[in-house]
Amino acid sequence: MILWLNGPFGGGKTTTAAELDALLPDAVVFDPEKLGEAIVQTLSGIEPVSDFQDWRPWRELVVAALTSLDRHTNRTVVAPQTVVVERYWDEIMSGLATAGVEVRAFTLDSTPAEHERRIAGDTVTTATIEEIKIHDEGVGWRRHRAPDYRAALPWLSERTEVIDTTLLRPAEVAKEIAARLGHSAP
């Protein structure tokens, strides 16, 4: 089974995925963003885009990777990845369904004020100038994409299980997801 965590950029998906990895005995985490990073050098000179999700090969690779991991590991594969373009979401979900892969999708929502607090509170734990630059670009990206997430929330609410994380820590969100999956959390 694929356990997809959607939500705003910088909203706590990756942290929650790590909590689920520790909480669920059969979980493994796979970050689809790494596929985007892997194909940037190959495709950026051929077809410039502002977001790697705009590349059809990224979406196809996500389906292929998740299908393969589902079959190979026979575990719950936790995939933390924001997808706010409805057509891309439908393409990925349709591909997984065609492959016979079960998906449970959750959207980790919070109020805009809480989302901003999380973005602002994201700290740099490394000291190199390059890492600080990457961090600052990530903060800007998260703020820039917040309206895209808000615009997608109505259709995400129809296609995923929304959890209001405004007042919850990632460990509490993970326990809520585990409970919805039928796992008893310690």
C-alpha atoms as a PDB file:
ATOM      1  CA  MET A   1       0.000   0.000   0.000  1.00  0.00           C
ATOM      2  CA  ILE A   2       1.088   3.557  -0.728  1.00  0.00           C
ATOM      3  CA  LEU A   3       0.434   6.053   2.038  1.00  0.00           C
ATOM      4  CA  TRP A   4       0.594   9.427   0.287  1.00  0.00           C
ATOM      5  CA  LEU A   5       1.010  12.553   2.398  1.00  0.00           C
ATOM      6  CA  ASN A   6      -0.031  15.717   0.588  1.00  0.00           C
ATOM      7  CA  GLY A   7      -0.298  19.205   2.025  1.00  0.00           C
ATOM      8  CA  PRO A   8       1.316  22.620   1.783  1.00  0.00           C
ATOM      9  CA  PHE A   9       5.000  22.968   0.994  1.00  0.00           C
ATOM     10  CA  GLY A  10       6.708  23.141   4.391  1.00  0.00           C
ATOM     11  CA  GLY A  11       3.619  21.873   6.207  1.00  0.00           C
ATOM     12  CA  GLY A  12       5.177  18.890   7.996  1.00  0.00           C
ATOM     13  CA  LYS A  13       4.796  15.996   5.550  1.00  0.00           C
ATOM     14  CA  THR A  14       8.403  14.814   5.700  1.00  0.00           C
ATOM     15  CA  THR A  15       8.523  15.042   9.486  1.00  0.00           C
ATOM     16  CA  THR A  16       5.240  13.161   9.743  1.00  0.00           C
ATOM     17  CA  ALA A  17       6.570  10.537   7.313  1.00  0.00           C
ATOM     18  CA  ALA A  18       9.548   9.960   9.611  1.00  0.00           C
ATOM     19  CA  GLU A  19       7.170   9.582  12.568  1.00  0.00           C
ATOM     20  CA  LEU A  20       5.099   7.053  10.600  1.00  0.00           C
ATOM     21  CA  ASP A  21       8.260   5.155   9.689  1.00  0.00           C
ATOM     22  CA  ALA A  22       9.023   4.795  13.402  1.00  0.00           C
ATOM     23  CA  LEU A  23       5.415   4.093  14.388  1.00  0.00           C
ATOM     24  CA  LEU A  24       4.299   1.566  11.775  1.00  0.00           C
ATOM     25  CA  PRO A  25       6.274  -1.687  11.884  1.00  0.00           C
ATOM     26  CA  ASP A  26       5.872  -2.308   8.156  1.00  0.00           C
ATOM     27  CA  ALA A  27       6.530   1.231   6.875  1.00  0.00           C
ATOM     28  CA  VAL A  28       9.268   2.525   4.606  1.00  0.00           C
ATOM     29  CA  VAL A  29       9.592   6.103   3.383  1.00  0.00           C
ATOM     30  CA  PHE A  30      10.132   7.059  -0.248  1.00  0.00           C
ATOM     31  CA  ASP A  31      10.313  10.740  -1.176  1.00  0.00           C
ATOM     32  CA  PRO A  32       9.150  11.298  -4.784  1.00  0.00           C
ATOM     33  CA  GLU A  33      10.960  14.642  -4.755  1.00  0.00           C
ATOM     34  CA  LYS A  34      14.241  12.745  -5.101  1.00  0.00           C
ATOM     35  CA  LEU A  35      13.104  11.567  -8.540  1.00  0.00           C
ATOM     36  CA  GLY A  36      12.615  15.193  -9.539  1.00  0.00           C
ATOM     37  CA  GLU A  37      16.087  16.055  -8.327  1.00  0.00           C
ATOM     38  CA  ALA A  38      17.483  13.085 -10.263  1.00  0.00           C
ATOM     39  CA  ILE A  39      16.084  14.178 -13.635  1.00  0.00           C
ATOM     40  CA  VAL A  40      16.713  17.937 -13.390  1.00  0.00           C
ATOM     41  CA  GLN A  41      20.106  17.764 -15.089  1.00  0.00           C
ATOM     42  CA  THR A  42      18.748  15.541 -17.837  1.00  0.00           C
ATOM     43  CA  LEU A  43      15.617  17.490 -18.703  1.00  0.00           C
ATOM     44  CA  SER A  44      16.250  21.125 -17.747  1.00  0.00           C
ATOM     45  CA  GLY A  45      18.196  21.825 -20.948  1.00  0.00           C
ATOM     46  CA  ILE A  46      15.623  20.055 -23.098  1.00  0.00           C
ATOM     47  CA  GLU A  47      12.398  21.343 -21.575  1.00  0.00           C
ATOM     48  CA  PRO A  48      12.759  24.172 -19.045  1.00  0.00           C
ATOM     49  CA  VAL A  49      10.022  24.180 -16.392  1.00  0.00           C
ATOM     50  CA  SER A  50       9.497  26.012 -13.110  1.00  0.00           C
ATOM     51  CA  ASP A  51       8.619  22.793 -11.225  1.00  0.00           C
ATOM     52  CA  PHE A  52       9.888  19.287 -11.967  1.00  0.00           C
ATOM     53  CA  GLN A  53       6.325  17.993 -11.535  1.00  0.00           C
ATOM     54  CA  ASP A  54       5.589  19.640 -14.891  1.00  0.00           C
ATOM     55  CA  TRP A  55       7.698  16.956 -16.559  1.00  0.00           C
ATOM     56  CA  ARG A  56       5.641  13.948 -17.582  1.00  0.00           C
ATOM     57  CA  PRO A  57       8.675  11.686 -16.964  1.00  0.00           C
ATOM     58  CA  TRP A  58       8.631  12.680 -13.274  1.00  0.00           C
ATOM     59  CA  ARG A  59       5.007  11.626 -12.924  1.00  0.00           C
ATOM     60  CA  GLU A  60       5.656   8.383 -14.841  1.00  0.00           C
ATOM     61  CA  LEU A  61       8.721   7.647 -12.709  1.00  0.00           C
ATOM     62  CA  VAL A  62       6.728   8.230  -9.522  1.00  0.00           C
ATOM     63  CA  VAL A  63       4.132   5.681 -10.619  1.00  0.00           C
ATOM     64  CA  ALA A  64       6.814   3.197 -11.680  1.00  0.00           C
ATOM     65  CA  ALA A  65       8.883   3.627  -8.518  1.00  0.00           C
ATOM     66  CA  LEU A  66       5.937   3.384  -6.133  1.00  0.00           C
ATOM     67  CA  THR A  67       4.531   0.371  -7.989  1.00  0.00           C
ATOM     68  CA  SER A  68       7.885  -1.384  -7.854  1.00  0.00           C
ATOM     69  CA  LEU A  69       8.450  -0.542  -4.184  1.00  0.00           C
ATOM     70  CA  ASP A  70       4.950  -1.709  -3.297  1.00  0.00           C
ATOM     71  CA  ARG A  71       5.557  -5.061  -4.998  1.00  0.00           C
ATOM     72  CA  HIS A  72       9.155  -5.520  -3.886  1.00  0.00           C
ATOM     73  CA  THR A  73       8.864  -4.526  -0.224  1.00  0.00           C
ATOM     74  CA  ASN A  74       5.316  -5.708   0.497  1.00  0.00           C
ATOM     75  CA  ARG A  75       5.264  -2.865   3.027  1.00  0.00           C
ATOM     76  CA  THR A  76       3.456   0.406   3.523  1.00  0.00           C
ATOM     77  CA  VAL A  77       5.368   2.919   1.408  1.00  0.00           C
ATOM     78  CA  VAL A  78       5.000   6.422   2.846  1.00  0.00           C
ATOM     79  CA  ALA A  79       5.317   9.060   0.121  1.00  0.00           C
ATOM     80  CA  PRO A  80       5.451  12.672   1.376  1.00  0.00           C
ATOM     81  CA  GLN A  81       4.920  14.915  -1.638  1.00  0.00           C
ATOM     82  CA  THR A  82       2.851  17.983  -2.330  1.00  0.00           C
ATOM     83  CA  VAL A  83       0.899  17.767  -5.582  1.00  0.00           C
ATOM     84  CA  VAL A  84      -1.348  20.760  -6.255  1.00  0.00           C
ATOM     85  CA  VAL A  85      -2.032  20.354  -9.972  1.00  0.00           C
ATOM     86  CA  GLU A  86      -5.216  18.313 -10.203  1.00  0.00           C
ATOM     87  CA  ARG A  87      -4.328  16.791 -13.575  1.00  0.00           C
ATOM     88  CA  TYR A  88      -0.969  15.601 -12.197  1.00  0.00           C
ATOM     89  CA  TRP A  89      -2.625  14.102  -9.128  1.00  0.00           C
ATOM     90  CA  ASP A  90      -5.184  12.284 -11.254  1.00  0.00           C
ATOM     91  CA  GLU A  91      -2.456  11.030 -13.597  1.00  0.00           C
ATOM     92  CA  ILE A  92      -0.399   9.596 -10.718  1.00  0.00           C
ATOM     93  CA  MET A  93      -3.392   8.071  -8.923  1.00  0.00           C
ATOM     94  CA  SER A  94      -4.742   6.612 -12.169  1.00  0.00           C
ATOM     95  CA  GLY A  95      -1.357   5.061 -12.947  1.00  0.00           C
ATOM     96  CA  LEU A  96      -1.169   3.474  -9.504  1.00  0.00           C
ATOM     97  CA  ALA A  97      -4.752   2.215  -9.759  1.00  0.00           C
ATOM     98  CA  THR A  98      -4.050   0.704 -13.181  1.00  0.00           C
ATOM     99  CA  ALA A  99      -1.050  -1.082 -11.659  1.00  0.00           C
ATOM    100  CA  GLY A 100      -3.313  -2.463  -8.930  1.00  0.00           C
ATOM    101  CA  VAL A 101      -1.589  -0.525  -6.148  1.00  0.00           C
ATOM    102  CA  GLU A 102      -3.703   0.438  -3.138  1.00  0.00           C
ATOM    103  CA  VAL A 103      -3.325   4.085  -2.108  1.00  0.00           C
ATOM    104  CA  ARG A 104      -4.463   5.868   1.039  1.00  0.00           C
ATOM    105  CA  ALA A 105      -3.959   9.584   0.596  1.00  0.00           C
ATOM    106  CA  PHE A 106      -3.987  12.156   3.370  1.00  0.00           C
ATOM    107  CA  THR A 107      -3.742  15.929   3.141  1.00  0.00           C
ATOM    108  CA  LEU A 108      -2.063  17.490   6.137  1.00  0.00           C
ATOM    109  CA  ASP A 109      -3.748  20.871   6.327  1.00  0.00           C
ATOM    110  CA  SER A 110      -3.238  23.785   8.691  1.00  0.00           C
ATOM    111  CA  THR A 111      -4.378  27.352   8.879  1.00  0.00           C
ATOM    112  CA  PRO A 112      -2.415  29.807   6.717  1.00  0.00           C
ATOM    113  CA  ALA A 113      -1.083  31.467   9.886  1.00  0.00           C
ATOM    114  CA  GLU A 114       0.186  28.143  11.248  1.00  0.00           C
ATOM    115  CA  HIS A 115       1.717  27.258   7.903  1.00  0.00           C
ATOM    116  CA  GLU A 116       3.596  30.559   7.894  1.00  0.00           C
ATOM    117  CA  ARG A 117       4.729  29.952  11.472  1.00  0.00           C
ATOM    118  CA  ARG A 118       6.142  26.577  10.427  1.00  0.00           C
ATOM    119  CA  ILE A 119       7.935  28.065   7.441  1.00  0.00           C
ATOM    120  CA  ALA A 120       9.407  30.867   9.545  1.00  0.00           C
ATOM    121  CA  GLY A 121      10.416  28.428  12.282  1.00  0.00           C
ATOM    122  CA  ASP A 122      12.281  26.091   9.932  1.00  0.00           C
ATOM    123  CA  THR A 123      15.874  26.422  11.068  1.00  0.00           C
ATOM    124  CA  VAL A 124      19.169  25.863   9.352  1.00  0.00           C
ATOM    125  CA  THR A 125      21.161  23.225  11.200  1.00  0.00           C
ATOM    126  CA  THR A 126      24.206  23.426   8.940  1.00  0.00           C
ATOM    127  CA  ALA A 127      26.675  26.236   8.528  1.00  0.00           C
ATOM    128  CA  THR A 128      27.906  26.284   4.930  1.00  0.00           C
ATOM    129  CA  ILE A 129      26.934  29.258   2.800  1.00  0.00           C
ATOM    130  CA  GLU A 130      25.612  26.945   0.061  1.00  0.00           C
ATOM    131  CA  GLU A 131      23.333  25.117   2.508  1.00  0.00           C
ATOM    132  CA  ILE A 132      22.021  28.406   3.904  1.00  0.00           C
ATOM    133  CA  LYS A 133      21.326  29.600   0.339  1.00  0.00           C
ATOM    134  CA  ILE A 134      19.417  26.385  -0.426  1.00  0.00           C
ATOM    135  CA  HIS A 135      17.447  26.768   2.834  1.00  0.00           C
ATOM    136  CA  ASP A 136      16.517  30.373   2.046  1.00  0.00           C
ATOM    137  CA  GLU A 137      15.393  29.385  -1.465  1.00  0.00           C
ATOM    138  CA  GLY A 138      13.254  26.634   0.078  1.00  0.00           C
ATOM    139  CA  VAL A 139      11.585  29.103   2.447  1.00  0.00           C
ATOM    140  CA  GLY A 140      10.816  31.415  -0.480  1.00  0.00           C
ATOM    141  CA  TRP A 141       9.493  28.490  -2.545  1.00  0.00           C
ATOM    142  CA  ARG A 142       7.197  27.416   0.291  1.00  0.00           C
ATOM    143  CA  ARG A 143       5.751  30.907   0.661  1.00  0.00           C
ATOM    144  CA  HIS A 144       5.440  31.343  -3.095  1.00  0.00           C
ATOM    145  CA  ARG A 145       3.520  28.064  -3.489  1.00  0.00           C
ATOM    146  CA  ALA A 146       1.166  28.530  -0.496  1.00  0.00           C
ATOM    147  CA  PRO A 147      -1.597  30.066  -2.676  1.00  0.00           C
ATOM    148  CA  ASP A 148      -1.351  27.101  -5.077  1.00  0.00           C
ATOM    149  CA  TYR A 149      -1.971  24.734  -2.195  1.00  0.00           C
ATOM    150  CA  ARG A 150      -4.935  26.788  -0.923  1.00  0.00           C
ATOM    151  CA  ALA A 151      -6.442  26.785  -4.431  1.00  0.00           C
ATOM    152  CA  ALA A 152      -6.033  22.987  -4.636  1.00  0.00           C
ATOM    153  CA  LEU A 153      -7.553  22.270  -1.229  1.00  0.00           C
ATOM    154  CA  PRO A 154     -11.169  21.957  -2.481  1.00  0.00           C
ATOM    155  CA  TRP A 155     -10.351  19.114  -4.902  1.00  0.00           C
ATOM    156  CA  LEU A 156      -7.820  17.588  -2.484  1.00  0.00           C
ATOM    157  CA  SER A 157     -10.617  17.470   0.103  1.00  0.00           C
ATOM    158  CA  GLU A 158     -12.654  15.337  -2.302  1.00  0.00           C
ATOM    159  CA  ARG A 159      -9.828  12.934  -3.173  1.00  0.00           C
ATOM    160  CA  THR A 160      -7.896  12.608   0.097  1.00  0.00           C
ATOM    161  CA  GLU A 161      -8.543  12.367   3.811  1.00  0.00           C
ATOM    162  CA  VAL A 162      -7.850  15.805   5.257  1.00  0.00           C
ATOM    163  CA  ILE A 163      -6.343  16.111   8.713  1.00  0.00           C
ATOM    164  CA  ASP A 164      -6.240  19.521  10.366  1.00  0.00           C
ATOM    165  CA  THR A 165      -2.713  19.622  11.781  1.00  0.00           C
ATOM    166  CA  THR A 166      -2.887  23.197  13.069  1.00  0.00           C
ATOM    167  CA  LEU A 167      -2.774  22.170  16.723  1.00  0.00           C
ATOM    168  CA  LEU A 168      -1.020  18.821  16.309  1.00  0.00           C
ATOM    169  CA  ARG A 169       2.633  17.853  16.490  1.00  0.00           C
ATOM    170  CA  PRO A 170       3.905  15.502  13.760  1.00  0.00           C
ATOM    171  CA  ALA A 171       3.889  12.546  16.181  1.00  0.00           C
ATOM    172  CA  GLU A 172       0.199  13.208  16.891  1.00  0.00           C
ATOM    173  CA  VAL A 173      -0.553  13.442  13.169  1.00  0.00           C
ATOM    174  CA  ALA A 174       1.219  10.112  12.633  1.00  0.00           C
ATOM    175  CA  LYS A 175      -0.838   8.508  15.402  1.00  0.00           C
ATOM    176  CA  GLU A 176      -4.041   9.846  13.830  1.00  0.00           C
ATOM    177  CA  ILE A 177      -3.073   8.407  10.448  1.00  0.00           C
ATOM    178  CA  ALA A 178      -2.110   5.077  12.044  1.00  0.00           C
ATOM    179  CA  ALA A 179      -5.484   4.951  13.777  1.00  0.00           C
ATOM    180  CA  ARG A 180      -7.293   5.624  10.497  1.00  0.00           C
ATOM    181  CA  LEU A 181      -5.311   2.773   8.948  1.00  0.00           C
ATOM    182  CA  GLY A 182      -6.420   0.471  11.741  1.00  0.00           C
ATOM    183  CA  HIS A 183      -3.081   0.341  13.552  1.00  0.00           C
ATOM    184  CA  SER A 184      -3.056   0.790  17.287  1.00  0.00           C
ATOM    185  CA  ALA A 185      -0.490   3.385  18.280  1.00  0.00           C
ATOM    186  CA  PRO A 186       1.474   3.119  21.522  1.00  0.00           C
END
